[in-house]
Amino acid sequence: KSKPLNELAVRKAVVQAFDVATYNKIQFQGM
């Protein structure tokens, strides 16, 4: 409901730009 995330293409691009493997390495560091 918020701009610019009201555009499906923007939301999709954000997900495509999101490096989940790196994110989770940070999240689980030391575990």
mmCIF file of all heavy atoms, coordinates in Angstrom:
data_MODEL
# 
_entry.id   MODEL 
# 
loop_
_atom_site.group_PDB 
_atom_site.id 
_atom_site.type_symbol 
_atom_site.label_atom_id 
_atom_site.label_alt_id 
_atom_site.label_comp_id 
_atom_site.label_asym_id 
_atom_site.label_entity_id 
_atom_site.label_seq_id 
_atom_site.pdbx_PDB_ins_code 
_atom_site.Cartn_x 
_atom_site.Cartn_y 
_atom_site.Cartn_z 
_atom_site.occupancy 
_atom_site.B_iso_or_equiv 
_atom_site.pdbx_formal_charge 
_atom_site.auth_seq_id 
_atom_site.auth_comp_id 
_atom_site.auth_asym_id 
_atom_site.auth_atom_id 
_atom_site.pdbx_PDB_model_num 
ATOM 1   N N   . LYS A 1 1  ? 0.821  -1.211  0.000   1.00 0.00 ? 1  LYS A N   1 
ATOM 2   C CA  . LYS A 1 1  ? 0.000  0.000   0.000   1.00 0.00 ? 1  LYS A CA  1 
ATOM 3   C C   . LYS A 1 1  ? 0.854  1.260   0.000   1.00 0.00 ? 1  LYS A C   1 
ATOM 4   O O   . LYS A 1 1  ? 0.346  2.376   -0.070  1.00 0.00 ? 1  LYS A O   1 
ATOM 5   C CB  . LYS A 1 1  ? -0.929 0.011   1.220   1.00 0.00 ? 1  LYS A CB  1 
ATOM 6   C CG  . LYS A 1 1  ? -1.946 -1.127  1.263   1.00 0.00 ? 1  LYS A CG  1 
ATOM 7   C CD  . LYS A 1 1  ? -2.954 -1.035  0.146   1.00 0.00 ? 1  LYS A CD  1 
ATOM 8   C CE  . LYS A 1 1  ? -4.009 -2.136  0.291   1.00 0.00 ? 1  LYS A CE  1 
ATOM 9   N NZ  . LYS A 1 1  ? -4.986 -2.119  -0.827  1.00 0.00 ? 1  LYS A NZ  1 
ATOM 10  N N   . SER A 1 2  ? 2.178  1.079   0.117   1.00 0.00 ? 2  SER A N   1 
ATOM 11  C CA  . SER A 1 2  ? 3.075  2.235   0.172   1.00 0.00 ? 2  SER A CA  1 
ATOM 12  C C   . SER A 1 2  ? 3.859  2.351   -1.132  1.00 0.00 ? 2  SER A C   1 
ATOM 13  O O   . SER A 1 2  ? 4.286  1.346   -1.701  1.00 0.00 ? 2  SER A O   1 
ATOM 14  C CB  . SER A 1 2  ? 4.046  2.095   1.348   1.00 0.00 ? 2  SER A CB  1 
ATOM 15  O OG  . SER A 1 2  ? 4.925  0.994   1.154   1.00 0.00 ? 2  SER A OG  1 
ATOM 16  N N   . LYS A 1 3  ? 4.058  3.570   -1.580  1.00 0.00 ? 3  LYS A N   1 
ATOM 17  C CA  . LYS A 1 3  ? 4.849  3.800   -2.791  1.00 0.00 ? 3  LYS A CA  1 
ATOM 18  C C   . LYS A 1 3  ? 6.328  3.727   -2.457  1.00 0.00 ? 3  LYS A C   1 
ATOM 19  O O   . LYS A 1 3  ? 6.742  4.198   -1.398  1.00 0.00 ? 3  LYS A O   1 
ATOM 20  C CB  . LYS A 1 3  ? 4.509  5.171   -3.385  1.00 0.00 ? 3  LYS A CB  1 
ATOM 21  C CG  . LYS A 1 3  ? 3.076  5.281   -3.886  1.00 0.00 ? 3  LYS A CG  1 
ATOM 22  C CD  . LYS A 1 3  ? 2.823  6.656   -4.491  1.00 0.00 ? 3  LYS A CD  1 
ATOM 23  C CE  . LYS A 1 3  ? 1.388  6.752   -5.018  1.00 0.00 ? 3  LYS A CE  1 
ATOM 24  N NZ  . LYS A 1 3  ? 1.109  8.078   -5.614  1.00 0.00 ? 3  LYS A NZ  1 
ATOM 25  N N   . PRO A 1 4  ? 7.149  3.127   -3.301  1.00 0.00 ? 4  PRO A N   1 
ATOM 26  C CA  . PRO A 1 4  ? 6.876  2.548   -4.618  1.00 0.00 ? 4  PRO A CA  1 
ATOM 27  C C   . PRO A 1 4  ? 6.541  1.052   -4.575  1.00 0.00 ? 4  PRO A C   1 
ATOM 28  O O   . PRO A 1 4  ? 6.428  0.411   -5.618  1.00 0.00 ? 4  PRO A O   1 
ATOM 29  C CB  . PRO A 1 4  ? 8.189  2.774   -5.348  1.00 0.00 ? 4  PRO A CB  1 
ATOM 30  C CG  . PRO A 1 4  ? 9.222  2.582   -4.268  1.00 0.00 ? 4  PRO A CG  1 
ATOM 31  C CD  . PRO A 1 4  ? 8.605  3.167   -3.030  1.00 0.00 ? 4  PRO A CD  1 
ATOM 32  N N   . LEU A 1 5  ? 6.393  0.482   -3.356  1.00 0.00 ? 5  LEU A N   1 
ATOM 33  C CA  . LEU A 1 5  ? 6.112  -0.948  -3.257  1.00 0.00 ? 5  LEU A CA  1 
ATOM 34  C C   . LEU A 1 5  ? 4.695  -1.300  -3.687  1.00 0.00 ? 5  LEU A C   1 
ATOM 35  O O   . LEU A 1 5  ? 4.335  -2.480  -3.715  1.00 0.00 ? 5  LEU A O   1 
ATOM 36  C CB  . LEU A 1 5  ? 6.369  -1.434  -1.823  1.00 0.00 ? 5  LEU A CB  1 
ATOM 37  C CG  . LEU A 1 5  ? 7.842  -1.453  -1.388  1.00 0.00 ? 5  LEU A CG  1 
ATOM 38  C CD1 . LEU A 1 5  ? 7.954  -1.862  0.077   1.00 0.00 ? 5  LEU A CD1 1 
ATOM 39  C CD2 . LEU A 1 5  ? 8.659  -2.418  -2.259  1.00 0.00 ? 5  LEU A CD2 1 
ATOM 40  N N   . ASN A 1 6  ? 3.902  -0.288  -4.039  1.00 0.00 ? 6  ASN A N   1 
ATOM 41  C CA  . ASN A 1 6  ? 2.572  -0.580  -4.575  1.00 0.00 ? 6  ASN A CA  1 
ATOM 42  C C   . ASN A 1 6  ? 2.655  -1.151  -5.989  1.00 0.00 ? 6  ASN A C   1 
ATOM 43  O O   . ASN A 1 6  ? 1.679  -1.682  -6.513  1.00 0.00 ? 6  ASN A O   1 
ATOM 44  C CB  . ASN A 1 6  ? 1.705  0.679   -4.577  1.00 0.00 ? 6  ASN A CB  1 
ATOM 45  C CG  . ASN A 1 6  ? 2.304  1.810   -5.393  1.00 0.00 ? 6  ASN A CG  1 
ATOM 46  O OD1 . ASN A 1 6  ? 3.515  2.001   -5.410  1.00 0.00 ? 6  ASN A OD1 1 
ATOM 47  N ND2 . ASN A 1 6  ? 1.460  2.566   -6.065  1.00 0.00 ? 6  ASN A ND2 1 
ATOM 48  N N   . GLU A 1 7  ? 3.848  -1.083  -6.602  1.00 0.00 ? 7  GLU A N   1 
ATOM 49  C CA  . GLU A 1 7  ? 4.062  -1.683  -7.922  1.00 0.00 ? 7  GLU A CA  1 
ATOM 50  C C   . GLU A 1 7  ? 4.580  -3.118  -7.746  1.00 0.00 ? 7  GLU A C   1 
ATOM 51  O O   . GLU A 1 7  ? 5.587  -3.349  -7.081  1.00 0.00 ? 7  GLU A O   1 
ATOM 52  C CB  . GLU A 1 7  ? 5.089  -0.884  -8.729  1.00 0.00 ? 7  GLU A CB  1 
ATOM 53  C CG  . GLU A 1 7  ? 4.660  0.516   -9.100  1.00 0.00 ? 7  GLU A CG  1 
ATOM 54  C CD  . GLU A 1 7  ? 5.705  1.196   -9.972  1.00 0.00 ? 7  GLU A CD  1 
ATOM 55  O OE1 . GLU A 1 7  ? 6.032  0.639   -11.055 1.00 0.00 ? 7  GLU A OE1 1 
ATOM 56  O OE2 . GLU A 1 7  ? 6.202  2.257   -9.577  1.00 0.00 ? 7  GLU A OE2 1 
ATOM 57  N N   . LEU A 1 8  ? 3.902  -4.055  -8.366  1.00 0.00 ? 8  LEU A N   1 
ATOM 58  C CA  . LEU A 1 8  ? 4.323  -5.452  -8.298  1.00 0.00 ? 8  LEU A CA  1 
ATOM 59  C C   . LEU A 1 8  ? 5.749  -5.620  -8.799  1.00 0.00 ? 8  LEU A C   1 
ATOM 60  O O   . LEU A 1 8  ? 6.545  -6.370  -8.221  1.00 0.00 ? 8  LEU A O   1 
ATOM 61  C CB  . LEU A 1 8  ? 3.374  -6.327  -9.122  1.00 0.00 ? 8  LEU A CB  1 
ATOM 62  C CG  . LEU A 1 8  ? 3.759  -7.808  -9.272  1.00 0.00 ? 8  LEU A CG  1 
ATOM 63  C CD1 . LEU A 1 8  ? 3.823  -8.489  -7.913  1.00 0.00 ? 8  LEU A CD1 1 
ATOM 64  C CD2 . LEU A 1 8  ? 2.764  -8.539  -10.185 1.00 0.00 ? 8  LEU A CD2 1 
ATOM 65  N N   . ALA A 1 9  ? 6.109  -4.903  -9.864  1.00 0.00 ? 9  ALA A N   1 
ATOM 66  C CA  . ALA A 1 9  ? 7.450  -5.024  -10.433 1.00 0.00 ? 9  ALA A CA  1 
ATOM 67  C C   . ALA A 1 9  ? 8.520  -4.602  -9.433  1.00 0.00 ? 9  ALA A C   1 
ATOM 68  O O   . ALA A 1 9  ? 9.606  -5.207  -9.376  1.00 0.00 ? 9  ALA A O   1 
ATOM 69  C CB  . ALA A 1 9  ? 7.562  -4.175  -11.702 1.00 0.00 ? 9  ALA A CB  1 
ATOM 70  N N   . VAL A 1 10 ? 8.236  -3.593  -8.629  1.00 0.00 ? 10 VAL A N   1 
ATOM 71  C CA  . VAL A 1 10 ? 9.208  -3.137  -7.636  1.00 0.00 ? 10 VAL A CA  1 
ATOM 72  C C   . VAL A 1 10 ? 9.375  -4.191  -6.544  1.00 0.00 ? 10 VAL A C   1 
ATOM 73  O O   . VAL A 1 10 ? 10.492 -4.505  -6.130  1.00 0.00 ? 10 VAL A O   1 
ATOM 74  C CB  . VAL A 1 10 ? 8.797  -1.778  -7.039  1.00 0.00 ? 10 VAL A CB  1 
ATOM 75  C CG1 . VAL A 1 10 ? 9.723  -1.392  -5.883  1.00 0.00 ? 10 VAL A CG1 1 
ATOM 76  C CG2 . VAL A 1 10 ? 8.820  -0.698  -8.111  1.00 0.00 ? 10 VAL A CG2 1 
ATOM 77  N N   . ARG A 1 11 ? 8.264  -4.733  -6.071  1.00 0.00 ? 11 ARG A N   1 
ATOM 78  C CA  . ARG A 1 11 ? 8.342  -5.776  -5.037  1.00 0.00 ? 11 ARG A CA  1 
ATOM 79  C C   . ARG A 1 11 ? 9.114  -6.985  -5.554  1.00 0.00 ? 11 ARG A C   1 
ATOM 80  O O   . ARG A 1 11 ? 9.947  -7.574  -4.848  1.00 0.00 ? 11 ARG A O   1 
ATOM 81  C CB  . ARG A 1 11 ? 6.936  -6.192  -4.589  1.00 0.00 ? 11 ARG A CB  1 
ATOM 82  C CG  . ARG A 1 11 ? 6.106  -5.061  -3.997  1.00 0.00 ? 11 ARG A CG  1 
ATOM 83  C CD  . ARG A 1 11 ? 4.901  -5.572  -3.232  1.00 0.00 ? 11 ARG A CD  1 
ATOM 84  N NE  . ARG A 1 11 ? 3.983  -6.372  -4.014  1.00 0.00 ? 11 ARG A NE  1 
ATOM 85  C CZ  . ARG A 1 11 ? 2.991  -5.902  -4.761  1.00 0.00 ? 11 ARG A CZ  1 
ATOM 86  N NH1 . ARG A 1 11 ? 2.791  -4.585  -4.846  1.00 0.00 ? 11 ARG A NH1 1 
ATOM 87  N NH2 . ARG A 1 11 ? 2.189  -6.711  -5.419  1.00 0.00 ? 11 ARG A NH2 1 
ATOM 88  N N   . LYS A 1 12 ? 8.843  -7.352  -6.795  1.00 0.00 ? 12 LYS A N   1 
ATOM 89  C CA  . LYS A 1 12 ? 9.536  -8.487  -7.397  1.00 0.00 ? 12 LYS A CA  1 
ATOM 90  C C   . LYS A 1 12 ? 11.025 -8.198  -7.516  1.00 0.00 ? 12 LYS A C   1 
ATOM 91  O O   . LYS A 1 12 ? 11.868 -9.055  -7.194  1.00 0.00 ? 12 LYS A O   1 
ATOM 92  C CB  . LYS A 1 12 ? 8.943  -8.781  -8.773  1.00 0.00 ? 12 LYS A CB  1 
ATOM 93  C CG  . LYS A 1 12 ? 9.591  -9.947  -9.505  1.00 0.00 ? 12 LYS A CG  1 
ATOM 94  C CD  . LYS A 1 12 ? 8.903  -10.191 -10.855 1.00 0.00 ? 12 LYS A CD  1 
ATOM 95  C CE  . LYS A 1 12 ? 9.570  -11.324 -11.618 1.00 0.00 ? 12 LYS A CE  1 
ATOM 96  N NZ  . LYS A 1 12 ? 8.894  -11.560 -12.918 1.00 0.00 ? 12 LYS A NZ  1 
ATOM 97  N N   . ALA A 1 13 ? 11.376 -7.003  -7.927  1.00 0.00 ? 13 ALA A N   1 
ATOM 98  C CA  . ALA A 1 13 ? 12.777 -6.630  -8.070  1.00 0.00 ? 13 ALA A CA  1 
ATOM 99  C C   . ALA A 1 13 ? 13.494 -6.642  -6.729  1.00 0.00 ? 13 ALA A C   1 
ATOM 100 O O   . ALA A 1 13 ? 14.660 -7.050  -6.635  1.00 0.00 ? 13 ALA A O   1 
ATOM 101 C CB  . ALA A 1 13 ? 12.892 -5.247  -8.717  1.00 0.00 ? 13 ALA A CB  1 
ATOM 102 N N   . VAL A 1 14 ? 12.822 -6.209  -5.685  1.00 0.00 ? 14 VAL A N   1 
ATOM 103 C CA  . VAL A 1 14 ? 13.405 -6.230  -4.337  1.00 0.00 ? 14 VAL A CA  1 
ATOM 104 C C   . VAL A 1 14 ? 13.736 -7.664  -3.935  1.00 0.00 ? 14 VAL A C   1 
ATOM 105 O O   . VAL A 1 14 ? 14.815 -7.944  -3.394  1.00 0.00 ? 14 VAL A O   1 
ATOM 106 C CB  . VAL A 1 14 ? 12.450 -5.577  -3.319  1.00 0.00 ? 14 VAL A CB  1 
ATOM 107 C CG1 . VAL A 1 14 ? 12.917 -5.850  -1.890  1.00 0.00 ? 14 VAL A CG1 1 
ATOM 108 C CG2 . VAL A 1 14 ? 12.361 -4.079  -3.560  1.00 0.00 ? 14 VAL A CG2 1 
ATOM 109 N N   . VAL A 1 15 ? 12.818 -8.591  -4.216  1.00 0.00 ? 15 VAL A N   1 
ATOM 110 C CA  . VAL A 1 15 ? 13.058 -10.000 -3.885  1.00 0.00 ? 15 VAL A CA  1 
ATOM 111 C C   . VAL A 1 15 ? 14.207 -10.551 -4.717  1.00 0.00 ? 15 VAL A C   1 
ATOM 112 O O   . VAL A 1 15 ? 15.071 -11.286 -4.209  1.00 0.00 ? 15 VAL A O   1 
ATOM 113 C CB  . VAL A 1 15 ? 11.774 -10.821 -4.101  1.00 0.00 ? 15 VAL A CB  1 
ATOM 114 C CG1 . VAL A 1 15 ? 12.057 -12.311 -3.970  1.00 0.00 ? 15 VAL A CG1 1 
ATOM 115 C CG2 . VAL A 1 15 ? 10.701 -10.402 -3.102  1.00 0.00 ? 15 VAL A CG2 1 
ATOM 116 N N   . GLN A 1 16 ? 14.248 -10.195 -6.001  1.00 0.00 ? 16 GLN A N   1 
ATOM 117 C CA  . GLN A 1 16 ? 15.338 -10.673 -6.860  1.00 0.00 ? 16 GLN A CA  1 
ATOM 118 C C   . GLN A 1 16 ? 16.690 -10.101 -6.428  1.00 0.00 ? 16 GLN A C   1 
ATOM 119 O O   . GLN A 1 16 ? 17.730 -10.730 -6.628  1.00 0.00 ? 16 GLN A O   1 
ATOM 120 C CB  . GLN A 1 16 ? 15.050 -10.285 -8.312  1.00 0.00 ? 16 GLN A CB  1 
ATOM 121 C CG  . GLN A 1 16 ? 13.880 -11.037 -8.930  1.00 0.00 ? 16 GLN A CG  1 
ATOM 122 C CD  . GLN A 1 16 ? 13.515 -10.509 -10.316 1.00 0.00 ? 16 GLN A CD  1 
ATOM 123 O OE1 . GLN A 1 16 ? 13.541 -9.296  -10.551 1.00 0.00 ? 16 GLN A OE1 1 
ATOM 124 N NE2 . GLN A 1 16 ? 13.187 -11.415 -11.223 1.00 0.00 ? 16 GLN A NE2 1 
ATOM 125 N N   . ALA A 1 17 ? 16.689 -8.930  -5.826  1.00 0.00 ? 17 ALA A N   1 
ATOM 126 C CA  . ALA A 1 17 ? 17.927 -8.293  -5.384  1.00 0.00 ? 17 ALA A CA  1 
ATOM 127 C C   . ALA A 1 17 ? 18.360 -8.763  -4.001  1.00 0.00 ? 17 ALA A C   1 
ATOM 128 O O   . ALA A 1 17 ? 19.465 -8.421  -3.540  1.00 0.00 ? 17 ALA A O   1 
ATOM 129 C CB  . ALA A 1 17 ? 17.749 -6.774  -5.367  1.00 0.00 ? 17 ALA A CB  1 
ATOM 130 N N   . PHE A 1 18 ? 17.518 -9.551  -3.353  1.00 0.00 ? 18 PHE A N   1 
ATOM 131 C CA  . PHE A 1 18 ? 17.758 -9.979  -1.977  1.00 0.00 ? 18 PHE A CA  1 
ATOM 132 C C   . PHE A 1 18 ? 18.582 -11.259 -1.955  1.00 0.00 ? 18 PHE A C   1 
ATOM 133 O O   . PHE A 1 18 ? 18.130 -12.325 -2.384  1.00 0.00 ? 18 PHE A O   1 
ATOM 134 C CB  . PHE A 1 18 ? 16.418 -10.186 -1.276  1.00 0.00 ? 18 PHE A CB  1 
ATOM 135 C CG  . PHE A 1 18 ? 16.527 -10.708 0.131   1.00 0.00 ? 18 PHE A CG  1 
ATOM 136 C CD1 . PHE A 1 18 ? 17.222 -10.014 1.100   1.00 0.00 ? 18 PHE A CD1 1 
ATOM 137 C CD2 . PHE A 1 18 ? 15.924 -11.913 0.487   1.00 0.00 ? 18 PHE A CD2 1 
ATOM 138 C CE1 . PHE A 1 18 ? 17.318 -10.497 2.405   1.00 0.00 ? 18 PHE A CE1 1 
ATOM 139 C CE2 . PHE A 1 18 ? 15.998 -12.405 1.770   1.00 0.00 ? 18 PHE A CE2 1 
ATOM 140 C CZ  . PHE A 1 18 ? 16.707 -11.693 2.742   1.00 0.00 ? 18 PHE A CZ  1 
ATOM 141 N N   . ASP A 1 19 ? 19.801 -11.171 -1.439  1.00 0.00 ? 19 ASP A N   1 
ATOM 142 C CA  . ASP A 1 19 ? 20.724 -12.316 -1.344  1.00 0.00 ? 19 ASP A CA  1 
ATOM 143 C C   . ASP A 1 19 ? 20.439 -13.053 -0.041  1.00 0.00 ? 19 ASP A C   1 
ATOM 144 O O   . ASP A 1 19 ? 21.051 -12.771 0.993   1.00 0.00 ? 19 ASP A O   1 
ATOM 145 C CB  . ASP A 1 19 ? 22.162 -11.816 -1.396  1.00 0.00 ? 19 ASP A CB  1 
ATOM 146 C CG  . ASP A 1 19 ? 23.189 -12.943 -1.352  1.00 0.00 ? 19 ASP A CG  1 
ATOM 147 O OD1 . ASP A 1 19 ? 22.776 -14.112 -1.211  1.00 0.00 ? 19 ASP A OD1 1 
ATOM 148 O OD2 . ASP A 1 19 ? 24.397 -12.642 -1.433  1.00 0.00 ? 19 ASP A OD2 1 
ATOM 149 N N   . VAL A 1 20 ? 19.516 -14.003 -0.088  1.00 0.00 ? 20 VAL A N   1 
ATOM 150 C CA  . VAL A 1 20 ? 19.067 -14.676 1.128   1.00 0.00 ? 20 VAL A CA  1 
ATOM 151 C C   . VAL A 1 20 ? 20.175 -15.501 1.776   1.00 0.00 ? 20 VAL A C   1 
ATOM 152 O O   . VAL A 1 20 ? 20.240 -15.610 3.001   1.00 0.00 ? 20 VAL A O   1 
ATOM 153 C CB  . VAL A 1 20 ? 17.822 -15.550 0.828   1.00 0.00 ? 20 VAL A CB  1 
ATOM 154 C CG1 . VAL A 1 20 ? 18.172 -16.718 -0.081  1.00 0.00 ? 20 VAL A CG1 1 
ATOM 155 C CG2 . VAL A 1 20 ? 17.187 -16.054 2.114   1.00 0.00 ? 20 VAL A CG2 1 
ATOM 156 N N   . ALA A 1 21 ? 21.072 -16.076 0.981   1.00 0.00 ? 21 ALA A N   1 
ATOM 157 C CA  . ALA A 1 21 ? 22.148 -16.893 1.538   1.00 0.00 ? 21 ALA A CA  1 
ATOM 158 C C   . ALA A 1 21 ? 23.073 -16.043 2.411   1.00 0.00 ? 21 ALA A C   1 
ATOM 159 O O   . ALA A 1 21 ? 23.447 -16.437 3.523   1.00 0.00 ? 21 ALA A O   1 
ATOM 160 C CB  . ALA A 1 21 ? 22.932 -17.563 0.414   1.00 0.00 ? 21 ALA A CB  1 
ATOM 161 N N   . THR A 1 22 ? 23.443 -14.875 1.921   1.00 0.00 ? 22 THR A N   1 
ATOM 162 C CA  . THR A 1 22 ? 24.293 -13.975 2.699   1.00 0.00 ? 22 THR A CA  1 
ATOM 163 C C   . THR A 1 22 ? 23.560 -13.470 3.937   1.00 0.00 ? 22 THR A C   1 
ATOM 164 O O   . THR A 1 22 ? 24.132 -13.381 5.034   1.00 0.00 ? 22 THR A O   1 
ATOM 165 C CB  . THR A 1 22 ? 24.735 -12.789 1.831   1.00 0.00 ? 22 THR A CB  1 
ATOM 166 O OG1 . THR A 1 22 ? 25.561 -13.274 0.766   1.00 0.00 ? 22 THR A OG1 1 
ATOM 167 C CG2 . THR A 1 22 ? 25.518 -11.771 2.642   1.00 0.00 ? 22 THR A CG2 1 
ATOM 168 N N   . TYR A 1 23 ? 22.310 -13.124 3.774   1.00 0.00 ? 23 TYR A N   1 
ATOM 169 C CA  . TYR A 1 23 ? 21.482 -12.645 4.881   1.00 0.00 ? 23 TYR A CA  1 
ATOM 170 C C   . TYR A 1 23 ? 21.441 -13.682 6.010   1.00 0.00 ? 23 TYR A C   1 
ATOM 171 O O   . TYR A 1 23 ? 21.597 -13.358 7.189   1.00 0.00 ? 23 TYR A O   1 
ATOM 172 C CB  . TYR A 1 23 ? 20.080 -12.373 4.349   1.00 0.00 ? 23 TYR A CB  1 
ATOM 173 C CG  . TYR A 1 23 ? 19.132 -11.650 5.282   1.00 0.00 ? 23 TYR A CG  1 
ATOM 174 C CD1 . TYR A 1 23 ? 19.090 -10.257 5.321   1.00 0.00 ? 23 TYR A CD1 1 
ATOM 175 C CD2 . TYR A 1 23 ? 18.236 -12.358 6.079   1.00 0.00 ? 23 TYR A CD2 1 
ATOM 176 C CE1 . TYR A 1 23 ? 18.185 -9.588  6.147   1.00 0.00 ? 23 TYR A CE1 1 
ATOM 177 C CE2 . TYR A 1 23 ? 17.338 -11.701 6.910   1.00 0.00 ? 23 TYR A CE2 1 
ATOM 178 C CZ  . TYR A 1 23 ? 17.306 -10.313 6.933   1.00 0.00 ? 23 TYR A CZ  1 
ATOM 179 O OH  . TYR A 1 23 ? 16.408 -9.663  7.749   1.00 0.00 ? 23 TYR A OH  1 
ATOM 180 N N   . ASN A 1 24 ? 21.243 -14.945 5.635   1.00 0.00 ? 24 ASN A N   1 
ATOM 181 C CA  . ASN A 1 24 ? 21.150 -15.998 6.648   1.00 0.00 ? 24 ASN A CA  1 
ATOM 182 C C   . ASN A 1 24 ? 22.506 -16.350 7.260   1.00 0.00 ? 24 ASN A C   1 
ATOM 183 O O   . ASN A 1 24 ? 22.569 -16.798 8.410   1.00 0.00 ? 24 ASN A O   1 
ATOM 184 C CB  . ASN A 1 24 ? 20.480 -17.239 6.061   1.00 0.00 ? 24 ASN A CB  1 
ATOM 185 C CG  . ASN A 1 24 ? 18.983 -17.055 5.901   1.00 0.00 ? 24 ASN A CG  1 
ATOM 186 O OD1 . ASN A 1 24 ? 18.382 -16.220 6.578   1.00 0.00 ? 24 ASN A OD1 1 
ATOM 187 N ND2 . ASN A 1 24 ? 18.374 -17.824 5.017   1.00 0.00 ? 24 ASN A ND2 1 
ATOM 188 N N   . LYS A 1 25 ? 23.580 -16.159 6.527   1.00 0.00 ? 25 LYS A N   1 
ATOM 189 C CA  . LYS A 1 25 ? 24.908 -16.359 7.120   1.00 0.00 ? 25 LYS A CA  1 
ATOM 190 C C   . LYS A 1 25 ? 25.125 -15.370 8.262   1.00 0.00 ? 25 LYS A C   1 
ATOM 191 O O   . LYS A 1 25 ? 25.679 -15.706 9.309   1.00 0.00 ? 25 LYS A O   1 
ATOM 192 C CB  . LYS A 1 25 ? 25.997 -16.183 6.061   1.00 0.00 ? 25 LYS A CB  1 
ATOM 193 C CG  . LYS A 1 25 ? 26.189 -17.388 5.154   1.00 0.00 ? 25 LYS A CG  1 
ATOM 194 C CD  . LYS A 1 25 ? 27.314 -17.145 4.157   1.00 0.00 ? 25 LYS A CD  1 
ATOM 195 C CE  . LYS A 1 25 ? 27.475 -18.345 3.210   1.00 0.00 ? 25 LYS A CE  1 
ATOM 196 N NZ  . LYS A 1 25 ? 28.535 -18.098 2.191   1.00 0.00 ? 25 LYS A NZ  1 
ATOM 197 N N   . ILE A 1 26 ? 24.677 -14.150 8.052   1.00 0.00 ? 26 ILE A N   1 
ATOM 198 C CA  . ILE A 1 26 ? 24.782 -13.133 9.100   1.00 0.00 ? 26 ILE A CA  1 
ATOM 199 C C   . ILE A 1 26 ? 23.866 -13.504 10.263  1.00 0.00 ? 26 ILE A C   1 
ATOM 200 O O   . ILE A 1 26 ? 24.242 -13.425 11.431  1.00 0.00 ? 26 ILE A O   1 
ATOM 201 C CB  . ILE A 1 26 ? 24.396 -11.746 8.542   1.00 0.00 ? 26 ILE A CB  1 
ATOM 202 C CG1 . ILE A 1 26 ? 25.375 -11.313 7.455   1.00 0.00 ? 26 ILE A CG1 1 
ATOM 203 C CG2 . ILE A 1 26 ? 24.336 -10.705 9.659   1.00 0.00 ? 26 ILE A CG2 1 
ATOM 204 C CD1 . ILE A 1 26 ? 24.938 -10.081 6.695   1.00 0.00 ? 26 ILE A CD1 1 
ATOM 205 N N   . GLN A 1 27 ? 22.668 -13.940 9.920   1.00 0.00 ? 27 GLN A N   1 
ATOM 206 C CA  . GLN A 1 27 ? 21.663 -14.264 10.925  1.00 0.00 ? 27 GLN A CA  1 
ATOM 207 C C   . GLN A 1 27 ? 22.108 -15.407 11.832  1.00 0.00 ? 27 GLN A C   1 
ATOM 208 O O   . GLN A 1 27 ? 21.855 -15.388 13.044  1.00 0.00 ? 27 GLN A O   1 
ATOM 209 C CB  . GLN A 1 27 ? 20.360 -14.642 10.209  1.00 0.00 ? 27 GLN A CB  1 
ATOM 210 C CG  . GLN A 1 27 ? 19.172 -14.779 11.086  1.00 0.00 ? 27 GLN A CG  1 
ATOM 211 C CD  . GLN A 1 27 ? 17.880 -14.835 10.285  1.00 0.00 ? 27 GLN A CD  1 
ATOM 212 O OE1 . GLN A 1 27 ? 16.865 -14.320 10.699  1.00 0.00 ? 27 GLN A OE1 1 
ATOM 213 N NE2 . GLN A 1 27 ? 17.904 -15.461 9.115   1.00 0.00 ? 27 GLN A NE2 1 
ATOM 214 N N   . PHE A 1 28 ? 22.783 -16.398 11.267  1.00 0.00 ? 28 PHE A N   1 
ATOM 215 C CA  . PHE A 1 28 ? 23.162 -17.590 12.028  1.00 0.00 ? 28 PHE A CA  1 
ATOM 216 C C   . PHE A 1 28 ? 24.650 -17.637 12.357  1.00 0.00 ? 28 PHE A C   1 
ATOM 217 O O   . PHE A 1 28 ? 25.172 -18.690 12.729  1.00 0.00 ? 28 PHE A O   1 
ATOM 218 C CB  . PHE A 1 28 ? 22.773 -18.853 11.249  1.00 0.00 ? 28 PHE A CB  1 
ATOM 219 C CG  . PHE A 1 28 ? 21.295 -18.971 10.987  1.00 0.00 ? 28 PHE A CG  1 
ATOM 220 C CD1 . PHE A 1 28 ? 20.830 -19.416 9.759   1.00 0.00 ? 28 PHE A CD1 1 
ATOM 221 C CD2 . PHE A 1 28 ? 20.377 -18.629 11.962  1.00 0.00 ? 28 PHE A CD2 1 
ATOM 222 C CE1 . PHE A 1 28 ? 19.464 -19.531 9.518   1.00 0.00 ? 28 PHE A CE1 1 
ATOM 223 C CE2 . PHE A 1 28 ? 19.015 -18.737 11.726  1.00 0.00 ? 28 PHE A CE2 1 
ATOM 224 C CZ  . PHE A 1 28 ? 18.551 -19.183 10.512  1.00 0.00 ? 28 PHE A CZ  1 
ATOM 225 N N   . GLN A 1 29 ? 25.329 -16.518 12.241  1.00 0.00 ? 29 GLN A N   1 
ATOM 226 C CA  . GLN A 1 29 ? 26.757 -16.496 12.518  1.00 0.00 ? 29 GLN A CA  1 
ATOM 227 C C   . GLN A 1 29 ? 27.037 -16.951 13.948  1.00 0.00 ? 29 GLN A C   1 
ATOM 228 O O   . GLN A 1 29 ? 26.426 -16.489 14.898  1.00 0.00 ? 29 GLN A O   1 
ATOM 229 C CB  . GLN A 1 29 ? 27.306 -15.078 12.319  1.00 0.00 ? 29 GLN A CB  1 
ATOM 230 C CG  . GLN A 1 29 ? 28.821 -14.999 12.427  1.00 0.00 ? 29 GLN A CG  1 
ATOM 231 C CD  . GLN A 1 29 ? 29.337 -13.591 12.175  1.00 0.00 ? 29 GLN A CD  1 
ATOM 232 O OE1 . GLN A 1 29 ? 28.574 -12.635 12.196  1.00 0.00 ? 29 GLN A OE1 1 
ATOM 233 N NE2 . GLN A 1 29 ? 30.633 -13.463 11.936  1.00 0.00 ? 29 GLN A NE2 1 
ATOM 234 N N   . GLY A 1 30 ? 27.954 -17.884 14.086  1.00 0.00 ? 30 GLY A N   1 
ATOM 235 C CA  . GLY A 1 30 ? 28.341 -18.374 15.395  1.00 0.00 ? 30 GLY A CA  1 
ATOM 236 C C   . GLY A 1 30 ? 27.469 -19.491 15.937  1.00 0.00 ? 30 GLY A C   1 
ATOM 237 O O   . GLY A 1 30 ? 27.707 -20.000 17.027  1.00 0.00 ? 30 GLY A O   1 
ATOM 238 N N   . MET A 1 31 ? 26.451 -19.882 15.188  1.00 0.00 ? 31 MET A N   1 
ATOM 239 C CA  . MET A 1 31 ? 25.532 -20.916 15.656  1.00 0.00 ? 31 MET A CA  1 
ATOM 240 C C   . MET A 1 31 ? 25.820 -22.285 15.054  1.00 0.00 ? 31 MET A C   1 
ATOM 241 O O   . MET A 1 31 ? 25.303 -23.288 15.527  1.00 0.00 ? 31 MET A O   1 
ATOM 242 C CB  . MET A 1 31 ? 24.083 -20.542 15.311  1.00 0.00 ? 31 MET A CB  1 
ATOM 243 C CG  . MET A 1 31 ? 23.563 -19.319 15.999  1.00 0.00 ? 31 MET A CG  1 
ATOM 244 S SD  . MET A 1 31 ? 21.801 -19.111 15.630  1.00 0.00 ? 31 MET A SD  1 
ATOM 245 C CE  . MET A 1 31 ? 21.525 -17.473 16.270  1.00 0.00 ? 31 MET A CE  1 
# 
